[in-house]
Amino acid sequence: MDMKLEVVVIPVSDVDRAKRFYADLGWSLDLDYIKGNDYRVIQFTPPGSACSIIFGKNVTTAVPGSLKGLHLVVSNIQDTRDELLRCGITISEPFHDTSGIFHHAGGGCLVDGPNPQRKSYASYASFSDPDGNNWVLQEVTVRLTGDPRARRNELHSSALRCGSTSERNSTA
């Protein structure tokens, strides 16, 4: 079974203000659909993402600003942060969690600065849209082996070390 996350609905109070904010992030405006006075859907896609966000009028009953911890994976936390600052976006300084690979809610183990060893998945920065929906940048430089993209690379490397893919498959 193949399942892909395609759309995340973002609850906002002011559709035009949210549209300006996400455009300022440099995200691609895919759709701005209006039907009468009571329905509007806006869709944006972050650069390089297969998943989009939608928001609008009468799109969700969720409280504006109630989404927290939406992660955007980036290859370089500082470069991305600098770019967002140039775009006028208020964003935290980079931080990391001293206890492991994922940050804790509440911030008890969070310290300033990127992970000292620059471990993949371990450095973060955060920002919020005008309604308070919270986004977290997460630096990923090397994928975990459970990630299908990493698995393909791992299998390819194994094939090079252990003979051709067809040889290995014929004995399986």
Protein backbone atom coordinates (compact mmCIF):
# COMPACT_ATOMS: atom_id res chain seq x y z
CA MET A 1 0.00 0.00 0.00
CA ASP A 2 1.34 3.41 -0.97
CA MET A 3 0.31 6.44 1.12
CA LYS A 4 1.69 9.93 0.77
CA LEU A 5 1.00 12.99 2.85
CA GLU A 6 -0.16 15.57 0.31
CA VAL A 7 -1.90 18.39 2.19
CA VAL A 8 -1.89 19.84 5.70
CA VAL A 9 -4.76 22.19 6.60
CA ILE A 10 -3.63 25.31 8.47
CA PRO A 11 -6.21 27.19 10.57
CA VAL A 12 -5.94 30.97 10.07
CA SER A 13 -8.08 33.96 11.04
CA ASP A 14 -7.10 36.38 8.26
CA VAL A 15 -6.77 34.66 4.90
CA ASP A 16 -5.12 37.55 3.05
CA ARG A 17 -2.57 38.11 5.85
CA ALA A 18 -1.71 34.39 5.83
CA LYS A 19 -1.40 34.47 2.04
CA ARG A 20 1.13 37.33 2.26
CA PHE A 21 3.09 35.52 4.98
CA TYR A 22 3.45 32.24 3.08
CA ALA A 23 4.27 34.11 -0.15
CA ASP A 24 6.99 36.00 1.79
CA LEU A 25 8.45 32.62 2.79
CA GLY A 26 9.04 32.02 -0.92
CA TRP A 27 6.51 29.20 -1.15
CA SER A 28 4.72 28.52 -4.43
CA LEU A 29 1.11 29.69 -4.64
CA ASP A 30 -0.70 26.76 -6.25
CA LEU A 31 -4.30 27.85 -5.87
CA ASP A 32 -6.48 30.72 -4.72
CA TYR A 33 -10.05 29.55 -5.23
CA ILE A 34 -13.09 31.60 -4.23
CA LYS A 35 -16.69 30.40 -4.39
CA GLY A 36 -19.17 33.07 -3.34
CA ASN A 37 -18.64 35.03 -0.12
CA ASP A 38 -18.37 32.04 2.19
CA TYR A 39 -15.67 29.79 0.77
CA ARG A 40 -12.03 30.31 -0.19
CA VAL A 41 -9.15 27.86 -0.47
CA ILE A 42 -5.51 28.87 -0.83
CA GLN A 43 -2.79 26.28 -1.40
CA PHE A 44 0.96 26.82 -1.07
CA THR A 45 3.83 24.37 -1.49
CA PRO A 46 7.23 24.85 0.16
CA PRO A 47 10.21 24.67 -2.21
CA GLY A 48 11.23 21.06 -2.82
CA SER A 49 8.26 19.62 -0.93
CA ALA A 50 5.75 17.06 -2.17
CA CYS A 51 3.33 18.18 0.55
CA SER A 52 1.31 21.39 0.39
CA ILE A 53 -0.64 23.44 2.90
CA ILE A 54 -4.13 24.81 2.47
CA PHE A 55 -5.99 27.44 4.42
CA GLY A 56 -8.88 29.72 3.73
CA LYS A 57 -12.41 30.66 4.67
CA ASN A 58 -14.62 27.80 5.93
CA VAL A 59 -11.88 25.26 5.24
CA THR A 60 -11.49 24.02 8.84
CA THR A 61 -13.14 24.40 12.22
CA ALA A 62 -9.76 24.21 14.01
CA VAL A 63 -8.80 27.22 16.11
CA PRO A 64 -6.46 29.61 14.25
CA GLY A 65 -2.92 29.18 15.50
CA SER A 66 -3.56 25.74 17.00
CA LEU A 67 -1.10 23.77 14.84
CA LYS A 68 2.23 23.25 16.58
CA GLY A 69 5.45 21.58 15.57
CA LEU A 70 5.01 21.27 11.82
CA HIS A 71 8.46 20.22 10.62
CA LEU A 72 10.24 21.49 7.54
CA VAL A 73 13.38 19.50 6.76
CA VAL A 74 16.34 21.57 5.54
CA SER A 75 19.89 20.63 4.60
CA ASN A 76 21.51 23.61 6.34
CA ILE A 77 19.76 25.19 9.32
CA GLN A 78 21.84 28.38 9.37
CA ASP A 79 21.58 29.08 5.62
CA THR A 80 17.81 28.54 5.70
CA ARG A 81 17.43 30.70 8.81
CA ASP A 82 19.48 33.49 7.19
CA GLU A 83 17.30 33.33 4.06
CA LEU A 84 14.09 33.56 6.10
CA LEU A 85 15.49 36.55 8.01
CA ARG A 86 16.25 38.25 4.67
CA CYS A 87 12.60 37.63 3.73
CA GLY A 88 11.48 39.45 6.88
CA ILE A 89 10.45 36.32 8.82
CA THR A 90 11.03 36.32 12.58
CA ILE A 91 12.74 33.04 13.46
CA SER A 92 14.47 31.66 16.53
CA GLU A 93 18.17 31.10 16.83
CA PRO A 94 19.18 27.50 16.08
CA PHE A 95 18.82 25.13 19.04
CA HIS A 96 19.29 21.47 19.87
CA ASP A 97 18.10 18.94 22.44
CA THR A 98 20.83 17.62 24.72
CA SER A 99 19.00 14.34 25.33
CA GLY A 100 18.78 12.92 21.84
CA ILE A 101 17.69 13.06 18.24
CA PHE A 102 14.30 14.74 18.62
CA HIS A 103 13.41 17.84 20.61
CA HIS A 104 11.26 17.62 23.74
CA ALA A 105 7.99 19.50 24.07
CA GLY A 106 8.29 22.22 26.67
CA GLY A 107 11.96 22.84 26.01
CA GLY A 108 13.41 21.31 29.19
CA CYS A 109 16.46 19.89 27.40
CA LEU A 110 16.81 22.54 24.70
CA VAL A 111 19.98 24.60 24.49
CA ASP A 112 21.07 27.39 22.18
CA GLY A 113 23.03 26.66 19.05
CA PRO A 114 22.99 23.85 16.53
CA ASN A 115 24.00 20.37 17.64
CA PRO A 116 27.75 20.63 18.38
CA GLN A 117 28.55 17.58 16.20
CA ARG A 118 26.03 18.77 13.59
CA LYS A 119 24.34 15.36 13.79
CA SER A 120 21.58 14.88 11.28
CA TYR A 121 18.06 15.41 12.69
CA ALA A 122 19.46 17.18 15.76
CA SER A 123 19.44 20.95 15.03
CA TYR A 124 16.33 23.11 14.92
CA ALA A 125 14.97 26.63 14.57
CA SER A 126 11.34 27.69 14.82
CA PHE A 127 8.98 30.36 13.58
CA SER A 128 5.26 31.02 13.63
CA ASP A 129 2.81 32.40 11.13
CA PRO A 130 0.79 35.52 12.10
CA ASP A 131 -1.88 33.35 13.78
CA GLY A 132 0.66 31.41 15.85
CA ASN A 133 0.78 28.17 13.87
CA ASN A 134 4.26 26.92 14.74
CA TRP A 135 6.82 25.60 12.28
CA VAL A 136 10.10 23.87 13.14
CA LEU A 137 13.06 23.71 10.79
CA GLN A 138 14.97 20.45 11.27
CA GLU A 139 18.41 19.99 9.76
CA VAL A 140 18.79 16.64 8.01
CA THR A 141 22.10 15.99 6.27
CA VAL A 142 22.11 12.18 6.25
CA ARG A 143 18.91 10.13 6.18
CA LEU A 144 18.30 7.37 8.72
CA THR A 145 18.44 3.88 7.27
CA GLY A 146 14.67 3.44 7.72
CA ASP A 147 14.07 6.21 5.20
CA PRO A 148 13.25 4.68 1.78
CA ARG A 149 15.57 7.16 0.03
CA ALA A 150 18.45 6.11 2.27
CA ARG A 151 17.46 2.44 1.86
CA ARG A 152 17.75 2.72 -1.95
CA ASN A 153 21.24 4.22 -1.58
CA GLU A 154 22.17 1.54 0.95
CA LEU A 155 20.95 -1.25 -1.35
CA HIS A 156 22.83 0.25 -4.28
CA SER A 157 26.04 0.42 -2.20
CA SER A 158 25.53 -3.19 -1.07
CA ALA A 159 25.05 -4.28 -4.67
CA LEU A 160 28.36 -2.69 -5.61
CA ARG A 161 30.14 -4.46 -2.74
CA CYS A 162 28.39 -7.85 -3.09
CA GLY A 163 28.00 -8.26 -6.82
CA SER A 164 25.26 -7.16 -9.17
CA THR A 165 21.65 -6.70 -8.13
CA SER A 166 20.57 -9.45 -10.52
CA GLU A 167 23.01 -11.94 -8.96
CA ARG A 168 21.73 -11.16 -5.49
CA ASN A 169 18.08 -11.33 -6.56
CA SER A 170 18.54 -14.67 -8.29
CA THR A 171 19.69 -16.30 -5.05
CA ALA A 172 16.95 -14.72 -2.93
